[in-house]
């Protein structure tokens, strides 16, 4: 490699490291917001829920910065095919993280409504357990990216089945509560939206893991993504702005 090419490569690596630092900062904020949103629901803490909503603005700004820096890197450095795949992966990861941040914000918004309703026994604890699983999936998916570890990324893909099963159990539990007492319907509907939002976060963590597999191997996973959500045909569309 010539001196000029070495210089170009080192500049590209430096710029990519800066973008990856933004991704890690973004991931840390998203993980914290998932944890805080679930805790706010369990403890009926409106102030903590509001903190999550405020923090989401920072996540949105970081996504914009990642995309701008990635586009600048492509335009200025003319990356090779392998390097271009890395930059595109980073952009896709930032999009998935931003969506997870939106879902955490949605949890926080519904907490503000639920504090004025009669608690549904055990629901907040179950939701927090489900949120912890997703938070761990997200952490491992980002670790897999940093380490370029396709095996770890594949483990994340298979953990999504556990999240789906937790969601299915909560879905059935909420139906039971609503049938037993119509006064539970409104609260259970809000809780169902929350559980579905967390399930969707698991999907986005899985998407990050799949992008890591693509980055490392050059191919998307060949086997179908393990899915255990049997309620999707009955559930409302939970995508919220």
C-alpha atoms as a PDB file:
ATOM      1  CA  UNK A   1       0.000   0.000   0.000  1.00  0.00           C
ATOM      2  CA  UNK A   2       1.380   3.428  -0.954  1.00  0.00           C
ATOM      3  CA  UNK A   3       1.873   6.209   1.581  1.00  0.00           C
ATOM      4  CA  UNK A   4      -1.130   8.096   0.146  1.00  0.00           C
ATOM      5  CA  UNK A   5      -3.373   5.040   0.371  1.00  0.00           C
ATOM      6  CA  UNK A   6      -2.240   4.399   3.934  1.00  0.00           C
ATOM      7  CA  UNK A   7      -3.098   7.981   4.824  1.00  0.00           C
ATOM      8  CA  UNK A   8      -6.547   7.688   3.232  1.00  0.00           C
ATOM      9  CA  UNK A   9      -7.169   4.418   5.082  1.00  0.00           C
ATOM     10  CA  UNK A  10      -6.109   5.900   8.432  1.00  0.00           C
ATOM     11  CA  UNK A  11      -8.330   8.957   7.924  1.00  0.00           C
ATOM     12  CA  UNK A  12     -11.275   6.709   7.038  1.00  0.00           C
ATOM     13  CA  UNK A  13     -10.684   4.578  10.150  1.00  0.00           C
ATOM     14  CA  UNK A  14     -10.509   7.680  12.331  1.00  0.00           C
ATOM     15  CA  UNK A  15     -13.745   9.075  10.898  1.00  0.00           C
ATOM     16  CA  UNK A  16     -15.467   5.702  11.272  1.00  0.00           C
ATOM     17  CA  UNK A  17     -14.343   5.441  14.901  1.00  0.00           C
ATOM     18  CA  UNK A  18     -15.930   8.843  15.567  1.00  0.00           C
ATOM     19  CA  UNK A  19     -19.220   7.639  14.086  1.00  0.00           C
ATOM     20  CA  UNK A  20     -19.029   4.400  16.077  1.00  0.00           C
ATOM     21  CA  UNK A  21     -18.548   6.463  19.240  1.00  0.00           C
ATOM     22  CA  UNK A  22     -21.817   8.248  18.429  1.00  0.00           C
ATOM     23  CA  UNK A  23     -23.522   4.871  17.944  1.00  0.00           C
ATOM     24  CA  UNK A  24     -22.303   3.644  21.325  1.00  0.00           C
ATOM     25  CA  UNK A  25     -23.466   6.852  23.001  1.00  0.00           C
ATOM     26  CA  UNK A  26     -26.830   6.468  21.311  1.00  0.00           C
ATOM     27  CA  UNK A  27     -27.054   2.820  22.380  1.00  0.00           C
ATOM     28  CA  UNK A  28     -26.248   3.705  25.981  1.00  0.00           C
ATOM     29  CA  UNK A  29     -29.013   6.311  26.061  1.00  0.00           C
ATOM     30  CA  UNK A  30     -31.527   3.906  24.540  1.00  0.00           C
ATOM     31  CA  UNK A  31     -30.647   1.172  27.049  1.00  0.00           C
ATOM     32  CA  UNK A  32     -31.012   3.663  29.905  1.00  0.00           C
ATOM     33  CA  UNK A  33     -34.372   4.874  28.587  1.00  0.00           C
ATOM     34  CA  UNK A  34     -35.736   1.333  28.323  1.00  0.00           C
ATOM     35  CA  UNK A  35     -34.661   0.651  31.908  1.00  0.00           C
ATOM     36  CA  UNK A  36     -36.002   3.968  33.208  1.00  0.00           C
ATOM     37  CA  UNK A  37     -39.317   3.683  31.351  1.00  0.00           C
ATOM     38  CA  UNK A  38     -39.981   0.227  32.803  1.00  0.00           C
ATOM     39  CA  UNK A  39     -38.948   1.411  36.267  1.00  0.00           C
ATOM     40  CA  UNK A  40     -41.206   4.472  35.978  1.00  0.00           C
ATOM     41  CA  UNK A  41     -44.143   2.207  35.166  1.00  0.00           C
ATOM     42  CA  UNK A  42     -43.442  -0.186  38.028  1.00  0.00           C
ATOM     43  CA  UNK A  43     -42.925   2.600  40.577  1.00  0.00           C
ATOM     44  CA  UNK A  44     -45.574   4.901  39.054  1.00  0.00           C
ATOM     45  CA  UNK A  45     -42.915   7.603  38.837  1.00  0.00           C
ATOM     46  CA  UNK A  46     -44.157  10.417  36.601  1.00  0.00           C
ATOM     47  CA  UNK A  47     -40.950  12.463  36.925  1.00  0.00           C
ATOM     48  CA  UNK A  48     -38.804   9.553  35.729  1.00  0.00           C
ATOM     49  CA  UNK A  49     -41.202   8.974  32.830  1.00  0.00           C
ATOM     50  CA  UNK A  50     -40.861  12.631  31.844  1.00  0.00           C
ATOM     51  CA  UNK A  51     -37.061  12.289  31.969  1.00  0.00           C
ATOM     52  CA  UNK A  52     -37.312   9.466  29.421  1.00  0.00           C
ATOM     53  CA  UNK A  53     -39.453  11.594  27.119  1.00  0.00           C
ATOM     54  CA  UNK A  54     -36.967  14.464  27.303  1.00  0.00           C
ATOM     55  CA  UNK A  55     -33.991  12.172  26.684  1.00  0.00           C
ATOM     56  CA  UNK A  56     -35.529  10.888  23.450  1.00  0.00           C
ATOM     57  CA  UNK A  57     -34.781  14.232  21.793  1.00  0.00           C
ATOM     58  CA  UNK A  58     -31.064  13.633  22.326  1.00  0.00           C
ATOM     59  CA  UNK A  59     -31.360  10.183  20.722  1.00  0.00           C
ATOM     60  CA  UNK A  60     -33.079  11.705  17.687  1.00  0.00           C
ATOM     61  CA  UNK A  61     -30.332  14.314  17.365  1.00  0.00           C
ATOM     62  CA  UNK A  62     -27.640  11.638  17.565  1.00  0.00           C
ATOM     63  CA  UNK A  63     -29.294   9.641  14.782  1.00  0.00           C
ATOM     64  CA  UNK A  64     -29.251  12.731  12.569  1.00  0.00           C
ATOM     65  CA  UNK A  65     -25.587  13.314  13.390  1.00  0.00           C
ATOM     66  CA  UNK A  66     -24.686   9.681  12.605  1.00  0.00           C
ATOM     67  CA  UNK A  67     -26.446   9.833   9.242  1.00  0.00           C
ATOM     68  CA  UNK A  68     -24.864  13.169   8.347  1.00  0.00           C
ATOM     69  CA  UNK A  69     -21.372  11.998   9.274  1.00  0.00           C
ATOM     70  CA  UNK A  70     -21.844   8.684   7.463  1.00  0.00           C
ATOM     71  CA  UNK A  71     -23.023  10.461   4.303  1.00  0.00           C
ATOM     72  CA  UNK A  72     -20.046  12.839   4.524  1.00  0.00           C
ATOM     73  CA  UNK A  73     -17.691   9.877   4.941  1.00  0.00           C
ATOM     74  CA  UNK A  74     -19.072   8.187   1.822  1.00  0.00           C
ATOM     75  CA  UNK A  75     -18.846  11.391  -0.199  1.00  0.00           C
ATOM     76  CA  UNK A  76     -15.320  12.352   0.862  1.00  0.00           C
ATOM     77  CA  UNK A  77     -13.534   9.026   1.315  1.00  0.00           C
ATOM     78  CA  UNK A  78     -15.024   6.914  -1.502  1.00  0.00           C
ATOM     79  CA  UNK A  79     -14.883   3.752   0.638  1.00  0.00           C
ATOM     80  CA  UNK A  80     -14.170   0.339  -0.850  1.00  0.00           C
ATOM     81  CA  UNK A  81     -16.958  -2.255  -0.964  1.00  0.00           C
ATOM     82  CA  UNK A  82     -16.103  -3.675   2.471  1.00  0.00           C
ATOM     83  CA  UNK A  83     -15.792  -0.256   4.089  1.00  0.00           C
ATOM     84  CA  UNK A  84     -19.005   0.898   2.448  1.00  0.00           C
ATOM     85  CA  UNK A  85     -20.795  -2.092   3.962  1.00  0.00           C
ATOM     86  CA  UNK A  86     -19.542  -0.994   7.380  1.00  0.00           C
ATOM     87  CA  UNK A  87     -20.817   2.561   6.925  1.00  0.00           C
ATOM     88  CA  UNK A  88     -24.221   1.373   5.710  1.00  0.00           C
ATOM     89  CA  UNK A  89     -24.439  -1.007   8.663  1.00  0.00           C
ATOM     90  CA  UNK A  90     -23.778   1.872  11.045  1.00  0.00           C
ATOM     91  CA  UNK A  91     -26.588   3.886   9.462  1.00  0.00           C
ATOM     92  CA  UNK A  92     -29.022   0.978   9.777  1.00  0.00           C
ATOM     93  CA  UNK A  93     -28.032   0.410  13.403  1.00  0.00           C
ATOM     94  CA  UNK A  94     -28.695   4.068  14.200  1.00  0.00           C
ATOM     95  CA  UNK A  95     -32.161   3.803  12.643  1.00  0.00           C
ATOM     96  CA  UNK A  96     -32.979   0.745  14.751  1.00  0.00           C
ATOM     97  CA  UNK A  97     -31.736   2.479  17.893  1.00  0.00           C
ATOM     98  CA  UNK A  98     -33.837   5.551  17.130  1.00  0.00           C
ATOM     99  CA  UNK A  99     -36.959   3.395  16.812  1.00  0.00           C
ATOM    100  CA  UNK A 100     -36.188   1.708  20.131  1.00  0.00           C
ATOM    101  CA  UNK A 101     -35.902   5.172  21.654  1.00  0.00           C
ATOM    102  CA  UNK A 102     -39.330   6.064  20.265  1.00  0.00           C
ATOM    103  CA  UNK A 103     -40.840   2.947  21.806  1.00  0.00           C
ATOM    104  CA  UNK A 104     -39.269   3.761  25.196  1.00  0.00           C
ATOM    105  CA  UNK A 105     -40.787   7.235  24.909  1.00  0.00           C
ATOM    106  CA  UNK A 106     -44.179   5.648  24.204  1.00  0.00           C
ATOM    107  CA  UNK A 107     -43.844   3.577  27.395  1.00  0.00           C
ATOM    108  CA  UNK A 108     -43.164   6.747  29.346  1.00  0.00           C
ATOM    109  CA  UNK A 109     -46.148   8.549  27.801  1.00  0.00           C
ATOM    110  CA  UNK A 110     -48.534   5.758  28.810  1.00  0.00           C
ATOM    111  CA  UNK A 111     -47.109   5.666  32.332  1.00  0.00           C
ATOM    112  CA  UNK A 112     -48.421   9.196  32.816  1.00  0.00           C
ATOM    113  CA  UNK A 113     -51.906   7.907  32.028  1.00  0.00           C
ATOM    114  CA  UNK A 114     -51.693   4.666  34.023  1.00  0.00           C
ATOM    115  CA  UNK A 115     -50.738   6.345  37.306  1.00  0.00           C
ATOM    116  CA  UNK A 116     -54.321   7.596  37.524  1.00  0.00           C
ATOM    117  CA  UNK A 117     -55.803   4.103  37.087  1.00  0.00           C
ATOM    118  CA  UNK A 118     -56.163   1.113  39.359  1.00  0.00           C
ATOM    119  CA  UNK A 119     -52.999  -1.050  39.113  1.00  0.00           C
ATOM    120  CA  UNK A 120     -53.229  -4.428  37.389  1.00  0.00           C
ATOM    121  CA  UNK A 121     -51.602  -6.847  39.801  1.00  0.00           C
ATOM    122  CA  UNK A 122     -48.168  -8.093  38.741  1.00  0.00           C
ATOM    123  CA  UNK A 123     -48.274  -6.476  35.313  1.00  0.00           C
ATOM    124  CA  UNK A 124     -45.618  -3.817  35.877  1.00  0.00           C
ATOM    125  CA  UNK A 125     -43.165  -6.371  37.268  1.00  0.00           C
ATOM    126  CA  UNK A 126     -43.702  -8.669  34.263  1.00  0.00           C
ATOM    127  CA  UNK A 127     -43.240  -5.770  31.861  1.00  0.00           C
ATOM    128  CA  UNK A 128     -40.046  -4.699  33.596  1.00  0.00           C
ATOM    129  CA  UNK A 129     -38.695  -8.257  33.295  1.00  0.00           C
ATOM    130  CA  UNK A 130     -39.501  -8.242  29.576  1.00  0.00           C
ATOM    131  CA  UNK A 131     -37.847  -4.829  29.178  1.00  0.00           C
ATOM    132  CA  UNK A 132     -34.707  -6.110  30.920  1.00  0.00           C
ATOM    133  CA  UNK A 133     -34.472  -8.940  28.404  1.00  0.00           C
ATOM    134  CA  UNK A 134     -34.709  -6.500  25.494  1.00  0.00           C
ATOM    135  CA  UNK A 135     -32.178  -4.171  27.106  1.00  0.00           C
ATOM    136  CA  UNK A 136     -29.758  -7.096  27.382  1.00  0.00           C
ATOM    137  CA  UNK A 137     -30.387  -8.097  23.748  1.00  0.00           C
ATOM    138  CA  UNK A 138     -29.596  -4.572  22.648  1.00  0.00           C
ATOM    139  CA  UNK A 139     -26.399  -4.452  24.685  1.00  0.00           C
ATOM    140  CA  UNK A 140     -25.219  -7.774  23.275  1.00  0.00           C
ATOM    141  CA  UNK A 141     -26.098  -6.776  19.706  1.00  0.00           C
ATOM    142  CA  UNK A 142     -23.939  -3.649  20.037  1.00  0.00           C
ATOM    143  CA  UNK A 143     -21.153  -5.691  21.622  1.00  0.00           C
ATOM    144  CA  UNK A 144     -21.376  -8.069  18.663  1.00  0.00           C
ATOM    145  CA  UNK A 145     -20.983  -5.116  16.320  1.00  0.00           C
ATOM    146  CA  UNK A 146     -17.910  -3.754  18.112  1.00  0.00           C
ATOM    147  CA  UNK A 147     -16.322  -7.205  18.275  1.00  0.00           C
ATOM    148  CA  UNK A 148     -17.481  -8.228  14.766  1.00  0.00           C
ATOM    149  CA  UNK A 149     -18.836 -11.387  16.429  1.00  0.00           C
ATOM    150  CA  UNK A 150     -21.381 -13.163  14.217  1.00  0.00           C
ATOM    151  CA  UNK A 151     -21.902 -15.971  16.753  1.00  0.00           C
ATOM    152  CA  UNK A 152     -22.886 -13.508  19.485  1.00  0.00           C
ATOM    153  CA  UNK A 153     -25.176 -11.731  17.034  1.00  0.00           C
ATOM    154  CA  UNK A 154     -26.852 -15.041  16.210  1.00  0.00           C
ATOM    155  CA  UNK A 155     -27.431 -15.653  19.931  1.00  0.00           C
ATOM    156  CA  UNK A 156     -29.282 -12.337  20.062  1.00  0.00           C
ATOM    157  CA  UNK A 157     -31.500 -13.414  17.165  1.00  0.00           C
ATOM    158  CA  UNK A 158     -32.570 -16.526  19.044  1.00  0.00           C
ATOM    159  CA  UNK A 159     -33.227 -14.634  22.287  1.00  0.00           C
ATOM    160  CA  UNK A 160     -35.973 -12.729  20.513  1.00  0.00           C
ATOM    161  CA  UNK A 161     -38.125 -15.863  20.819  1.00  0.00           C
ATOM    162  CA  UNK A 162     -38.036 -15.456  24.627  1.00  0.00           C
ATOM    163  CA  UNK A 163     -39.313 -11.885  24.291  1.00  0.00           C
ATOM    164  CA  UNK A 164     -42.127 -13.048  22.018  1.00  0.00           C
ATOM    165  CA  UNK A 165     -43.142 -15.696  24.531  1.00  0.00           C
ATOM    166  CA  UNK A 166     -43.178 -13.119  27.347  1.00  0.00           C
ATOM    167  CA  UNK A 167     -45.380 -10.902  25.203  1.00  0.00           C
ATOM    168  CA  UNK A 168     -47.771 -13.754  24.415  1.00  0.00           C
ATOM    169  CA  UNK A 169     -48.107 -14.564  28.128  1.00  0.00           C
ATOM    170  CA  UNK A 170     -48.848 -10.924  28.972  1.00  0.00           C
ATOM    171  CA  UNK A 171     -51.347 -10.673  26.124  1.00  0.00           C
ATOM    172  CA  UNK A 172     -53.309 -13.646  27.497  1.00  0.00           C
ATOM    173  CA  UNK A 173     -53.047 -12.283  31.035  1.00  0.00           C
ATOM    174  CA  UNK A 174     -54.497  -8.912  30.005  1.00  0.00           C
ATOM    175  CA  UNK A 175     -57.365 -10.607  28.167  1.00  0.00           C
ATOM    176  CA  UNK A 176     -58.190 -12.555  31.325  1.00  0.00           C
ATOM    177  CA  UNK A 177     -58.208  -9.409  33.465  1.00  0.00           C
ATOM    178  CA  UNK A 178     -60.464  -7.616  30.971  1.00  0.00           C
ATOM    179  CA  UNK A 179     -62.942 -10.499  30.833  1.00  0.00           C
ATOM    180  CA  UNK A 180     -63.034 -10.808  34.615  1.00  0.00           C
ATOM    181  CA  UNK A 181     -63.757  -7.124  35.224  1.00  0.00           C
ATOM    182  CA  UNK A 182     -64.660  -4.557  32.518  1.00  0.00           C
ATOM    183  CA  UNK A 183     -63.198  -1.831  34.738  1.00  0.00           C
ATOM    184  CA  UNK A 184     -59.763  -3.243  33.865  1.00  0.00           C
ATOM    185  CA  UNK A 185     -60.197  -2.791  30.119  1.00  0.00           C
ATOM    186  CA  UNK A 186     -58.696   0.686  29.722  1.00  0.00           C
ATOM    187  CA  UNK A 187     -55.654  -0.013  31.894  1.00  0.00           C
ATOM    188  CA  UNK A 188     -55.074  -3.378  30.223  1.00  0.00           C
ATOM    189  CA  UNK A 189     -55.258  -1.831  26.774  1.00  0.00           C
ATOM    190  CA  UNK A 190     -52.548   0.669  27.743  1.00  0.00           C
ATOM    191  CA  UNK A 191     -50.456  -2.136  29.213  1.00  0.00           C
ATOM    192  CA  UNK A 192     -50.927  -4.188  26.058  1.00  0.00           C
ATOM    193  CA  UNK A 193     -49.633  -1.300  23.949  1.00  0.00           C
ATOM    194  CA  UNK A 194     -46.628  -1.075  26.270  1.00  0.00           C
ATOM    195  CA  UNK A 195     -45.904  -4.812  26.020  1.00  0.00           C
ATOM    196  CA  UNK A 196     -46.217  -4.681  22.228  1.00  0.00           C
ATOM    197  CA  UNK A 197     -43.821  -1.727  22.093  1.00  0.00           C
ATOM    198  CA  UNK A 198     -41.256  -3.738  24.077  1.00  0.00           C
ATOM    199  CA  UNK A 199     -41.747  -6.713  21.746  1.00  0.00           C
ATOM    200  CA  UNK A 200     -41.043  -4.408  18.815  1.00  0.00           C
ATOM    201  CA  UNK A 201     -37.840  -3.235  20.535  1.00  0.00           C
ATOM    202  CA  UNK A 202     -36.772  -6.872  20.576  1.00  0.00           C
ATOM    203  CA  UNK A 203     -37.360  -6.977  16.818  1.00  0.00           C
ATOM    204  CA  UNK A 204     -35.117  -3.948  16.337  1.00  0.00           C
ATOM    205  CA  UNK A 205     -32.371  -5.448  18.530  1.00  0.00           C
ATOM    206  CA  UNK A 206     -32.644  -8.563  16.359  1.00  0.00           C
ATOM    207  CA  UNK A 207     -32.356  -6.417  13.231  1.00  0.00           C
ATOM    208  CA  UNK A 208     -29.114  -4.941  14.585  1.00  0.00           C
ATOM    209  CA  UNK A 209     -27.820  -8.466  15.198  1.00  0.00           C
ATOM    210  CA  UNK A 210     -28.699  -9.459  11.630  1.00  0.00           C
ATOM    211  CA  UNK A 211     -26.852  -6.425  10.281  1.00  0.00           C
ATOM    212  CA  UNK A 212     -23.795  -7.532  12.254  1.00  0.00           C
ATOM    213  CA  UNK A 213     -24.004 -10.995  10.695  1.00  0.00           C
ATOM    214  CA  UNK A 214     -24.215  -9.376   7.263  1.00  0.00           C
ATOM    215  CA  UNK A 215     -21.249  -7.128   8.047  1.00  0.00           C
ATOM    216  CA  UNK A 216     -19.080 -10.035   9.185  1.00  0.00           C
ATOM    217  CA  UNK A 217     -20.104 -12.699   6.654  1.00  0.00           C
ATOM    218  CA  UNK A 218     -21.338 -10.679   3.679  1.00  0.00           C
ATOM    219  CA  UNK A 219     -24.692 -12.502   3.820  1.00  0.00           C
ATOM    220  CA  UNK A 220     -27.891 -12.031   5.775  1.00  0.00           C
ATOM    221  CA  UNK A 221     -28.844 -15.030   7.956  1.00  0.00           C
ATOM    222  CA  UNK A 222     -30.135 -17.853   5.795  1.00  0.00           C
ATOM    223  CA  UNK A 223     -32.512 -19.351   8.348  1.00  0.00           C
ATOM    224  CA  UNK A 224     -35.845 -17.656   9.117  1.00  0.00           C
ATOM    225  CA  UNK A 225     -35.860 -15.345  12.107  1.00  0.00           C
ATOM    226  CA  UNK A 226     -37.238 -17.240  15.153  1.00  0.00           C
ATOM    227  CA  UNK A 227     -40.621 -15.721  15.997  1.00  0.00           C
ATOM    228  CA  UNK A 228     -43.084 -16.670  18.701  1.00  0.00           C
ATOM    229  CA  UNK A 229     -45.604 -13.810  18.537  1.00  0.00           C
ATOM    230  CA  UNK A 230     -48.908 -15.573  17.888  1.00  0.00           C
ATOM    231  CA  UNK A 231     -51.036 -12.497  18.578  1.00  0.00           C
ATOM    232  CA  UNK A 232     -49.929 -10.237  15.728  1.00  0.00           C
ATOM    233  CA  UNK A 233     -53.036 -10.921  13.658  1.00  0.00           C
ATOM    234  CA  UNK A 234     -55.263  -9.867  16.537  1.00  0.00           C
ATOM    235  CA  UNK A 235     -53.240  -6.924  17.827  1.00  0.00           C
ATOM    236  CA  UNK A 236     -53.589  -3.350  16.707  1.00  0.00           C
ATOM    237  CA  UNK A 237     -50.694  -1.714  14.885  1.00  0.00           C
ATOM    238  CA  UNK A 238     -48.509  -0.369  17.662  1.00  0.00           C
ATOM    239  CA  UNK A 239     -46.285   1.878  15.558  1.00  0.00           C
ATOM    240  CA  UNK A 240     -46.470   5.329  17.154  1.00  0.00           C
ATOM    241  CA  UNK A 241     -44.715   8.564  16.333  1.00  0.00           C
END
